[in-house]
Amino acid sequence: MIAVMLMSVALVAGLCVLAYTLAVYALPFMFAFASLRSPVLRLIVALVFAAPAAVAGYAR
């Protein structure tokens, strides 16, 4: 039982590290998206990020 609790703590810590790492790498993309002036370019970038999520959400 103690081993399972230690493994769950390690898993949560690993997920926190993963989330932090992904956030650090995503931050420059968010700043780049915010600095785009053209609405057409904003739409293209939004579709590039949203399309895989939509496909994954509707896939069975």
PDB file of N, CA and C in Angstrom:
ATOM      1  N   MET A   1       0.823  -1.196   0.000  1.00  0.00           N
ATOM      2  CA  MET A   1       0.000   0.000   0.000  1.00  0.00           C
ATOM      3  C   MET A   1       0.866   1.258   0.000  1.00  0.00           C
ATOM      4  N   ILE A   2       1.934   1.229   0.763  1.00  0.00           N
ATOM      5  CA  ILE A   2       2.831   2.389   0.808  1.00  0.00           C
ATOM      6  C   ILE A   2       3.506   2.584  -0.538  1.00  0.00           C
ATOM      7  N   ALA A   3       3.820   1.477  -1.202  1.00  0.00           N
ATOM      8  CA  ALA A   3       4.458   1.575  -2.514  1.00  0.00           C
ATOM      9  C   ALA A   3       3.533   2.262  -3.517  1.00  0.00           C
ATOM     10  N   VAL A   4       2.249   1.959  -3.457  1.00  0.00           N
ATOM     11  CA  VAL A   4       1.286   2.575  -4.367  1.00  0.00           C
ATOM     12  C   VAL A   4       1.174   4.071  -4.080  1.00  0.00           C
ATOM     13  N   MET A   5       1.186   4.460  -2.829  1.00  0.00           N
ATOM     14  CA  MET A   5       1.122   5.879  -2.490  1.00  0.00           C
ATOM     15  C   MET A   5       2.367   6.612  -2.965  1.00  0.00           C
ATOM     16  N   LEU A   6       3.532   5.995  -2.806  1.00  0.00           N
ATOM     17  CA  LEU A   6       4.766   6.628  -3.279  1.00  0.00           C
ATOM     18  C   LEU A   6       4.783   6.734  -4.797  1.00  0.00           C
ATOM     19  N   MET A   7       4.286   5.707  -5.462  1.00  0.00           N
ATOM     20  CA  MET A   7       4.218   5.757  -6.930  1.00  0.00           C
ATOM     21  C   MET A   7       3.253   6.842  -7.390  1.00  0.00           C
ATOM     22  N   SER A   8       2.137   7.038  -6.687  1.00  0.00           N
ATOM     23  CA  SER A   8       1.180   8.073  -7.087  1.00  0.00           C
ATOM     24  C   SER A   8       1.768   9.466  -6.865  1.00  0.00           C
ATOM     25  N   VAL A   9       2.521   9.644  -5.797  1.00  0.00           N
ATOM     26  CA  VAL A   9       3.176  10.929  -5.566  1.00  0.00           C
ATOM     27  C   VAL A   9       4.201  11.198  -6.664  1.00  0.00           C
ATOM     28  N   ALA A  10       4.965  10.171  -7.027  1.00  0.00           N
ATOM     29  CA  ALA A  10       5.957  10.322  -8.093  1.00  0.00           C
ATOM     30  C   ALA A  10       5.273  10.631  -9.428  1.00  0.00           C
ATOM     31  N   LEU A  11       4.136  10.001  -9.685  1.00  0.00           N
ATOM     32  CA  LEU A  11       3.407  10.251 -10.930  1.00  0.00           C
ATOM     33  C   LEU A  11       2.877  11.679 -10.973  1.00  0.00           C
ATOM     34  N   VAL A  12       2.330  12.155  -9.885  1.00  0.00           N
ATOM     35  CA  VAL A  12       1.827  13.531  -9.845  1.00  0.00           C
ATOM     36  C   VAL A  12       2.969  14.514 -10.039  1.00  0.00           C
ATOM     37  N   ALA A  13       4.103  14.252  -9.412  1.00  0.00           N
ATOM     38  CA  ALA A  13       5.271  15.129  -9.586  1.00  0.00           C
ATOM     39  C   ALA A  13       5.739  15.113 -11.041  1.00  0.00           C
ATOM     40  N   GLY A  14       5.748  13.946 -11.654  1.00  0.00           N
ATOM     41  CA  GLY A  14       6.136  13.860 -13.061  1.00  0.00           C
ATOM     42  C   GLY A  14       5.181  14.607 -13.971  1.00  0.00           C
ATOM     43  N   LEU A  15       3.896  14.524 -13.687  1.00  0.00           N
ATOM     44  CA  LEU A  15       2.917  15.250 -14.484  1.00  0.00           C
ATOM     45  C   LEU A  15       3.053  16.759 -14.303  1.00  0.00           C
ATOM     46  N   CYS A  16       3.406  17.183 -13.110  1.00  0.00           N
ATOM     47  CA  CYS A  16       3.642  18.616 -12.883  1.00  0.00           C
ATOM     48  C   CYS A  16       4.851  19.099 -13.679  1.00  0.00           C
ATOM     49  N   VAL A  17       5.905  18.311 -13.692  1.00  0.00           N
ATOM     50  CA  VAL A  17       7.093  18.666 -14.469  1.00  0.00           C
ATOM     51  C   VAL A  17       6.754  18.706 -15.947  1.00  0.00           C
ATOM     52  N   LEU A  18       5.989  17.738 -16.425  1.00  0.00           N
ATOM     53  CA  LEU A  18       5.593  17.703 -17.830  1.00  0.00           C
ATOM     54  C   LEU A  18       4.745  18.917 -18.189  1.00  0.00           C
ATOM     55  N   ALA A  19       3.786  19.277 -17.345  1.00  0.00           N
ATOM     56  CA  ALA A  19       2.936  20.436 -17.614  1.00  0.00           C
ATOM     57  C   ALA A  19       3.751  21.719 -17.635  1.00  0.00           C
ATOM     58  N   TYR A  20       4.708  21.847 -16.725  1.00  0.00           N
ATOM     59  CA  TYR A  20       5.557  23.034 -16.695  1.00  0.00           C
ATOM     60  C   TYR A  20       6.408  23.114 -17.957  1.00  0.00           C
ATOM     61  N   THR A  21       6.975  21.997 -18.359  1.00  0.00           N
ATOM     62  CA  THR A  21       7.815  21.972 -19.557  1.00  0.00           C
ATOM     63  C   THR A  21       7.012  22.336 -20.797  1.00  0.00           C
ATOM     64  N   LEU A  22       5.830  21.778 -20.923  1.00  0.00           N
ATOM     65  CA  LEU A  22       4.989  22.098 -22.076  1.00  0.00           C
ATOM     66  C   LEU A  22       4.563  23.563 -22.066  1.00  0.00           C
ATOM     67  N   ALA A  23       4.291  24.106 -20.900  1.00  0.00           N
ATOM     68  CA  ALA A  23       3.910  25.514 -20.810  1.00  0.00           C
ATOM     69  C   ALA A  23       5.066  26.424 -21.209  1.00  0.00           C
ATOM     70  N   VAL A  24       6.277  26.061 -20.818  1.00  0.00           N
ATOM     71  CA  VAL A  24       7.448  26.871 -21.170  1.00  0.00           C
ATOM     72  C   VAL A  24       7.655  26.888 -22.674  1.00  0.00           C
ATOM     73  N   TYR A  25       7.455  25.746 -23.323  1.00  0.00           N
ATOM     74  CA  TYR A  25       7.642  25.700 -24.772  1.00  0.00           C
ATOM     75  C   TYR A  25       6.477  26.332 -25.521  1.00  0.00           C
ATOM     76  N   ALA A  26       5.284  26.374 -24.936  1.00  0.00           N
ATOM     77  CA  ALA A  26       4.122  26.955 -25.605  1.00  0.00           C
ATOM     78  C   ALA A  26       4.085  28.475 -25.484  1.00  0.00           C
ATOM     79  N   LEU A  27       4.766  29.022 -24.498  1.00  0.00           N
ATOM     80  CA  LEU A  27       4.718  30.459 -24.259  1.00  0.00           C
ATOM     81  C   LEU A  27       5.176  31.293 -25.448  1.00  0.00           C
ATOM     82  N   PRO A  28       6.287  30.971 -26.119  1.00  0.00           N
ATOM     83  CA  PRO A  28       6.673  31.779 -27.286  1.00  0.00           C
ATOM     84  C   PRO A  28       5.638  31.736 -28.411  1.00  0.00           C
ATOM     85  N   PHE A  29       4.968  30.601 -28.581  1.00  0.00           N
ATOM     86  CA  PHE A  29       3.945  30.508 -29.624  1.00  0.00           C
ATOM     87  C   PHE A  29       2.755  31.399 -29.297  1.00  0.00           C
ATOM     88  N   MET A  30       2.425  31.504 -28.022  1.00  0.00           N
ATOM     89  CA  MET A  30       1.306  32.376 -27.643  1.00  0.00           C
ATOM     90  C   MET A  30       1.658  33.832 -27.875  1.00  0.00           C
ATOM     91  N   PHE A  31       2.900  34.225 -27.588  1.00  0.00           N
ATOM     92  CA  PHE A  31       3.315  35.605 -27.842  1.00  0.00           C
ATOM     93  C   PHE A  31       3.365  35.897 -29.336  1.00  0.00           C
ATOM     94  N   ALA A  32       3.801  34.913 -30.112  1.00  0.00           N
ATOM     95  CA  ALA A  32       3.844  35.095 -31.569  1.00  0.00           C
ATOM     96  C   ALA A  32       2.419  35.246 -32.120  1.00  0.00           C
ATOM     97  N   PHE A  33       1.500  34.445 -31.580  1.00  0.00           N
ATOM     98  CA  PHE A  33       0.113  34.549 -32.032  1.00  0.00           C
ATOM     99  C   PHE A  33      -0.482  35.900 -31.669  1.00  0.00           C
ATOM    100  N   ALA A  34      -0.144  36.421 -30.512  1.00  0.00           N
ATOM    101  CA  ALA A  34      -0.693  37.708 -30.068  1.00  0.00           C
ATOM    102  C   ALA A  34      -0.139  38.865 -30.896  1.00  0.00           C
ATOM    103  N   SER A  35       1.056  38.688 -31.456  1.00  0.00           N
ATOM    104  CA  SER A  35       1.664  39.784 -32.212  1.00  0.00           C
ATOM    105  C   SER A  35       1.265  39.785 -33.688  1.00  0.00           C
ATOM    106  N   LEU A  36       0.501  38.775 -34.117  1.00  0.00           N
ATOM    107  CA  LEU A  36       0.055  38.756 -35.515  1.00  0.00           C
ATOM    108  C   LEU A  36      -0.951  39.883 -35.752  1.00  0.00           C
ATOM    109  N   ARG A  37      -0.779  40.585 -36.838  1.00  0.00           N
ATOM    110  CA  ARG A  37      -1.662  41.721 -37.126  1.00  0.00           C
ATOM    111  C   ARG A  37      -2.833  41.317 -38.029  1.00  0.00           C
ATOM    112  N   SER A  38      -2.574  40.450 -38.969  1.00  0.00           N
ATOM    113  CA  SER A  38      -3.580  40.101 -39.964  1.00  0.00           C
ATOM    114  C   SER A  38      -4.609  39.123 -39.386  1.00  0.00           C
ATOM    115  N   PRO A  39      -5.888  39.405 -39.542  1.00  0.00           N
ATOM    116  CA  PRO A  39      -6.912  38.471 -39.069  1.00  0.00           C
ATOM    117  C   PRO A  39      -6.875  37.138 -39.819  1.00  0.00           C
ATOM    118  N   VAL A  40      -6.463  37.179 -41.078  1.00  0.00           N
ATOM    119  CA  VAL A  40      -6.385  35.934 -41.859  1.00  0.00           C
ATOM    120  C   VAL A  40      -5.294  35.028 -41.282  1.00  0.00           C
ATOM    121  N   LEU A  41      -4.143  35.603 -40.927  1.00  0.00           N
ATOM    122  CA  LEU A  41      -3.073  34.805 -40.329  1.00  0.00           C
ATOM    123  C   LEU A  41      -3.491  34.266 -38.963  1.00  0.00           C
ATOM    124  N   ARG A  42      -4.218  35.070 -38.202  1.00  0.00           N
ATOM    125  CA  ARG A  42      -4.710  34.595 -36.909  1.00  0.00           C
ATOM    126  C   ARG A  42      -5.654  33.412 -37.092  1.00  0.00           C
ATOM    127  N   LEU A  43      -6.518  33.488 -38.078  1.00  0.00           N
ATOM    128  CA  LEU A  43      -7.443  32.393 -38.350  1.00  0.00           C
ATOM    129  C   LEU A  43      -6.700  31.136 -38.754  1.00  0.00           C
ATOM    130  N   ILE A  44      -5.691  31.274 -39.594  1.00  0.00           N
ATOM    131  CA  ILE A  44      -4.911  30.114 -40.035  1.00  0.00           C
ATOM    132  C   ILE A  44      -4.207  29.465 -38.852  1.00  0.00           C
ATOM    133  N   VAL A  45      -3.580  30.272 -38.010  1.00  0.00           N
ATOM    134  CA  VAL A  45      -2.875  29.720 -36.847  1.00  0.00           C
ATOM    135  C   VAL A  45      -3.867  29.061 -35.888  1.00  0.00           C
ATOM    136  N   ALA A  46      -5.009  29.673 -35.678  1.00  0.00           N
ATOM    137  CA  ALA A  46      -6.024  29.086 -34.797  1.00  0.00           C
ATOM    138  C   ALA A  46      -6.519  27.757 -35.349  1.00  0.00           C
ATOM    139  N   LEU A  47      -6.718  27.669 -36.644  1.00  0.00           N
ATOM    140  CA  LEU A  47      -7.168  26.414 -37.246  1.00  0.00           C
ATOM    141  C   LEU A  47      -6.101  25.331 -37.158  1.00  0.00           C
ATOM    142  N   VAL A  48      -4.847  25.723 -37.311  1.00  0.00           N
ATOM    143  CA  VAL A  48      -3.763  24.738 -37.203  1.00  0.00           C
ATOM    144  C   VAL A  48      -3.739  24.120 -35.807  1.00  0.00           C
ATOM    145  N   PHE A  49      -4.005  24.929 -34.776  1.00  0.00           N
ATOM    146  CA  PHE A  49      -4.003  24.396 -33.426  1.00  0.00           C
ATOM    147  C   PHE A  49      -5.318  23.698 -33.081  1.00  0.00           C
ATOM    148  N   ALA A  50      -6.437  24.160 -33.620  1.00  0.00           N
ATOM    149  CA  ALA A  50      -7.735  23.615 -33.240  1.00  0.00           C
ATOM    150  C   ALA A  50      -8.124  22.383 -34.033  1.00  0.00           C
ATOM    151  N   ALA A  51      -7.651  22.253 -35.250  1.00  0.00           N
ATOM    152  CA  ALA A  51      -8.060  21.129 -36.089  1.00  0.00           C
ATOM    153  C   ALA A  51      -7.676  19.773 -35.492  1.00  0.00           C
ATOM    154  N   PRO A  52      -6.441  19.565 -35.032  1.00  0.00           N
ATOM    155  CA  PRO A  52      -6.125  18.253 -34.437  1.00  0.00           C
ATOM    156  C   PRO A  52      -6.960  17.951 -33.192  1.00  0.00           C
ATOM    157  N   ALA A  53      -7.257  18.963 -32.402  1.00  0.00           N
ATOM    158  CA  ALA A  53      -8.081  18.755 -31.220  1.00  0.00           C
ATOM    159  C   ALA A  53      -9.509  18.368 -31.608  1.00  0.00           C
ATOM    160  N   ALA A  54     -10.023  18.988 -32.651  1.00  0.00           N
ATOM    161  CA  ALA A  54     -11.385  18.648 -33.112  1.00  0.00           C
ATOM    162  C   ALA A  54     -11.424  17.240 -33.666  1.00  0.00           C
ATOM    163  N   VAL A  55     -10.418  16.871 -34.438  1.00  0.00           N
ATOM    164  CA  VAL A  55     -10.365  15.507 -34.993  1.00  0.00           C
ATOM    165  C   VAL A  55     -10.264  14.491 -33.854  1.00  0.00           C
ATOM    166  N   ALA A  56      -9.422  14.757 -32.881  1.00  0.00           N
ATOM    167  CA  ALA A  56      -9.276  13.827 -31.756  1.00  0.00           C
ATOM    168  C   ALA A  56     -10.538  13.773 -30.927  1.00  0.00           C
ATOM    169  N   GLY A  57     -11.243  14.887 -30.814  1.00  0.00           N
ATOM    170  CA  GLY A  57     -12.461  14.910 -30.018  1.00  0.00           C
ATOM    171  C   GLY A  57     -13.604  14.141 -30.649  1.00  0.00           C
ATOM    172  N   TYR A  58     -13.674  14.164 -31.973  1.00  0.00           N
ATOM    173  CA  TYR A  58     -14.772  13.461 -32.649  1.00  0.00           C
ATOM    174  C   TYR A  58     -14.403  12.052 -33.083  1.00  0.00           C
ATOM    175  N   ALA A  59     -13.145  11.663 -32.981  1.00  0.00           N
ATOM    176  CA  ALA A  59     -12.730  10.311 -33.364  1.00  0.00           C
ATOM    177  C   ALA A  59     -13.203   9.307 -32.313  1.00  0.00           C
ATOM    178  N   ARG A  60     -13.495   8.147 -32.792  1.00  0.00           N
ATOM    179  CA  ARG A  60     -13.908   7.081 -31.862  1.00  0.00           C
ATOM    180  C   ARG A  60     -12.839   6.058 -31.734  1.00  0.00           C
TER     181      ARG A  60
END
